[in-house]
Amino acid sequence: MEWLDNSFYALVALVIFLAIVVYFGIPRIIGKMLDKQIQKIADDLAEAKKLREEAAALLVEYEQKRVAAEGEAAGIIAAAQEEATRLTAEAQTALAELVARRSRAVEDKIAQAEAQAVAEVRARSADVAIEAARLVLTDEMNRKGGQVVDRAIGDVANRLN
């Protein structure tokens, strides 16, 4: 009986083991466990897909926000440059007006000072001329005073007649 060697007993033991495994429903239990594991993996994949889609949507949203923020920043910079240009132009205009006003004021003061100087020179010239005339008349009257009075009296008498 060579056919009853160790291989035969191993085969019988394997068959008995498989029968016991089938009898107690081990393949069904293992199948359920595998189904649960498969379902868990499928749920995890679905959740990962959902999270990936949300992340992609957030990425798009933040990219749009970044583009909008860059546009807004560019607008703010452009507005600030325009404001700086406007303020510079206004400051230059105001400075030019201030310089013109001050120049006019200085020119007016110079003209007023010239007019005052001319008036003072004229007044002084008149005073000097009056003083010179007084001195000349005084001197003339001292030398020829009597003759002038006699002649003046004669002129008055001739005119009255």
Protein backbone atom coordinates (compact mmCIF):
# COMPACT_ATOMS: atom_id res chain seq x y z
CA MET A 1 0.00 0.00 0.00
CA GLU A 2 2.12 2.45 -1.18
CA TRP A 3 -0.68 4.64 -2.09
CA LEU A 4 -1.23 5.26 1.63
CA ASP A 5 1.88 7.19 2.06
CA ASN A 6 2.23 10.65 3.64
CA SER A 7 0.88 12.46 0.60
CA PHE A 8 -2.42 10.63 0.91
CA TYR A 9 -2.77 11.60 4.55
CA ALA A 10 -1.89 15.16 3.74
CA LEU A 11 -4.55 15.17 1.04
CA VAL A 12 -7.16 13.71 3.39
CA ALA A 13 -6.24 16.25 6.07
CA LEU A 14 -6.56 19.04 3.54
CA VAL A 15 -9.97 17.83 2.41
CA ILE A 16 -11.16 17.52 6.02
CA PHE A 17 -9.82 21.00 6.79
CA LEU A 18 -11.59 22.45 3.77
CA ALA A 19 -14.82 20.70 4.74
CA ILE A 20 -14.63 22.15 8.24
CA VAL A 21 -13.89 25.60 6.84
CA VAL A 22 -16.90 25.35 4.49
CA TYR A 23 -19.13 23.87 7.20
CA PHE A 24 -18.50 26.78 9.57
CA GLY A 25 -18.97 29.39 6.73
CA ILE A 26 -15.49 30.75 6.87
CA PRO A 27 -15.49 31.66 3.13
CA ARG A 28 -18.69 33.68 3.66
CA ILE A 29 -17.18 35.42 6.68
CA ILE A 30 -14.00 36.14 4.75
CA GLY A 31 -16.11 37.32 1.79
CA LYS A 32 -18.07 39.67 4.05
CA MET A 33 -14.86 40.96 5.55
CA LEU A 34 -13.41 41.49 2.09
CA ASP A 35 -16.67 43.16 0.94
CA LYS A 36 -16.54 45.47 3.95
CA GLN A 37 -12.89 46.25 3.21
CA ILE A 38 -13.72 46.83 -0.47
CA GLN A 39 -16.63 49.12 0.54
CA LYS A 40 -14.38 50.98 2.96
CA ILE A 41 -11.76 51.47 0.24
CA ALA A 42 -14.49 52.60 -2.21
CA ASP A 43 -15.83 55.06 0.38
CA ASP A 44 -12.31 56.34 1.04
CA LEU A 45 -11.76 56.75 -2.70
CA ALA A 46 -15.07 58.60 -3.04
CA GLU A 47 -14.17 60.84 -0.10
CA ALA A 48 -10.71 61.45 -1.56
CA LYS A 49 -12.29 62.30 -4.93
CA LYS A 50 -14.72 64.65 -3.21
CA LEU A 51 -11.89 66.31 -1.26
CA ARG A 52 -9.84 66.60 -4.45
CA GLU A 53 -12.76 68.30 -6.23
CA GLU A 54 -13.24 70.68 -3.28
CA ALA A 55 -9.52 71.44 -3.27
CA ALA A 56 -9.62 72.11 -7.02
CA ALA A 57 -12.64 74.40 -6.55
CA LEU A 58 -10.84 76.23 -3.72
CA LEU A 59 -7.75 76.53 -5.89
CA VAL A 60 -9.81 78.07 -8.69
CA GLU A 61 -11.56 80.39 -6.22
CA TYR A 62 -8.29 81.52 -4.64
CA GLU A 63 -6.73 81.97 -8.07
CA GLN A 64 -9.66 84.20 -9.02
CA LYS A 65 -9.30 86.10 -5.75
CA ARG A 66 -5.56 86.48 -6.36
CA VAL A 67 -6.17 87.80 -9.88
CA ALA A 68 -8.85 90.16 -8.53
CA ALA A 69 -6.52 91.32 -5.74
CA GLU A 70 -3.72 91.91 -8.25
CA GLY A 71 -6.15 93.90 -10.40
CA GLU A 72 -7.30 95.89 -7.40
CA ALA A 73 -3.70 96.50 -6.35
CA ALA A 74 -2.88 97.66 -9.87
CA GLY A 75 -5.91 99.96 -9.75
CA ILE A 76 -4.84 101.35 -6.39
CA ILE A 77 -1.30 101.92 -7.69
CA ALA A 78 -2.64 103.62 -10.83
CA ALA A 79 -4.97 105.79 -8.73
CA ALA A 80 -2.12 106.68 -6.39
CA GLN A 81 0.09 107.59 -9.35
CA GLU A 82 -2.69 109.73 -10.84
CA GLU A 83 -3.26 111.38 -7.46
CA ALA A 84 0.48 112.02 -7.08
CA THR A 85 0.61 113.48 -10.59
CA ARG A 86 -2.43 115.66 -9.88
CA LEU A 87 -1.03 116.81 -6.54
CA THR A 88 2.33 117.55 -8.16
CA ALA A 89 0.63 119.61 -10.86
CA GLU A 90 -1.47 121.43 -8.25
CA ALA A 91 1.62 122.09 -6.14
CA GLN A 92 3.51 123.41 -9.16
CA THR A 93 0.56 125.63 -10.09
CA ALA A 94 0.22 126.88 -6.52
CA LEU A 95 3.96 127.51 -6.33
CA ALA A 96 3.90 129.42 -9.62
CA GLU A 97 0.95 131.49 -8.38
CA LEU A 98 2.71 132.15 -5.08
CA VAL A 99 5.89 133.23 -6.86
CA ALA A 100 3.85 135.47 -9.20
CA ARG A 101 1.97 137.03 -6.25
CA ARG A 102 5.16 137.61 -4.30
CA SER A 103 6.86 139.03 -7.39
CA ARG A 104 3.93 141.41 -7.93
CA ALA A 105 4.01 142.38 -4.26
CA VAL A 106 7.74 143.05 -4.43
CA GLU A 107 7.32 144.99 -7.68
CA ASP A 108 4.49 146.98 -6.07
CA LYS A 109 6.68 147.74 -3.05
CA ILE A 110 9.53 148.77 -5.33
CA ALA A 111 7.20 151.02 -7.35
CA GLN A 112 5.79 152.49 -4.14
CA ALA A 113 9.30 153.08 -2.80
CA GLU A 114 10.30 154.72 -6.10
CA ALA A 115 7.20 156.95 -6.02
CA GLN A 116 7.89 157.86 -2.42
CA ALA A 117 11.54 158.59 -3.23
CA VAL A 118 10.50 160.76 -6.20
CA ALA A 119 7.96 162.59 -3.99
CA GLU A 120 10.59 163.12 -1.30
CA VAL A 121 13.10 164.38 -3.89
CA ARG A 122 10.48 166.74 -5.34
CA ALA A 123 9.50 167.98 -1.89
CA ARG A 124 13.14 168.45 -0.97
CA SER A 125 13.78 170.16 -4.32
CA ALA A 126 10.83 172.48 -3.72
CA ASP A 127 12.11 173.25 -0.21
CA VAL A 128 15.57 173.95 -1.57
CA ALA A 129 14.12 176.13 -4.39
CA ILE A 130 11.97 178.05 -1.90
CA GLU A 131 14.93 178.55 0.41
CA ALA A 132 17.10 179.67 -2.53
CA ALA A 133 14.38 182.06 -3.70
CA ARG A 134 14.02 183.42 -0.18
CA LEU A 135 17.75 183.94 0.09
CA VAL A 136 17.88 185.61 -3.33
CA LEU A 137 14.86 187.78 -2.55
CA THR A 138 16.23 188.68 0.87
CA ASP A 139 19.54 189.57 -0.63
CA GLU A 140 17.87 191.54 -3.47
CA MET A 141 15.59 193.31 -1.01
CA ASN A 142 18.50 194.24 1.15
CA ARG A 143 20.32 195.79 -1.78
CA LYS A 144 17.43 197.31 -3.75
CA GLY A 145 14.52 197.09 -1.30
CA GLY A 146 13.70 200.80 -1.28
CA GLN A 147 13.66 201.10 -5.06
CA VAL A 148 11.44 198.08 -5.46
CA VAL A 149 8.95 199.43 -2.94
CA ASP A 150 8.95 202.86 -4.61
CA ARG A 151 8.42 201.32 -8.02
CA ALA A 152 5.62 199.09 -6.70
CA ILE A 153 3.89 202.09 -5.14
CA GLY A 154 4.26 203.93 -8.43
CA ASP A 155 2.78 201.03 -10.35
CA VAL A 156 -0.17 200.88 -7.98
CA ALA A 157 -0.70 204.65 -8.30
CA ASN A 158 -0.57 204.47 -12.10
CA ARG A 159 -3.05 201.66 -12.15
CA LEU A 160 -5.43 203.40 -9.85
CA ASN A 161 -5.50 206.47 -12.03
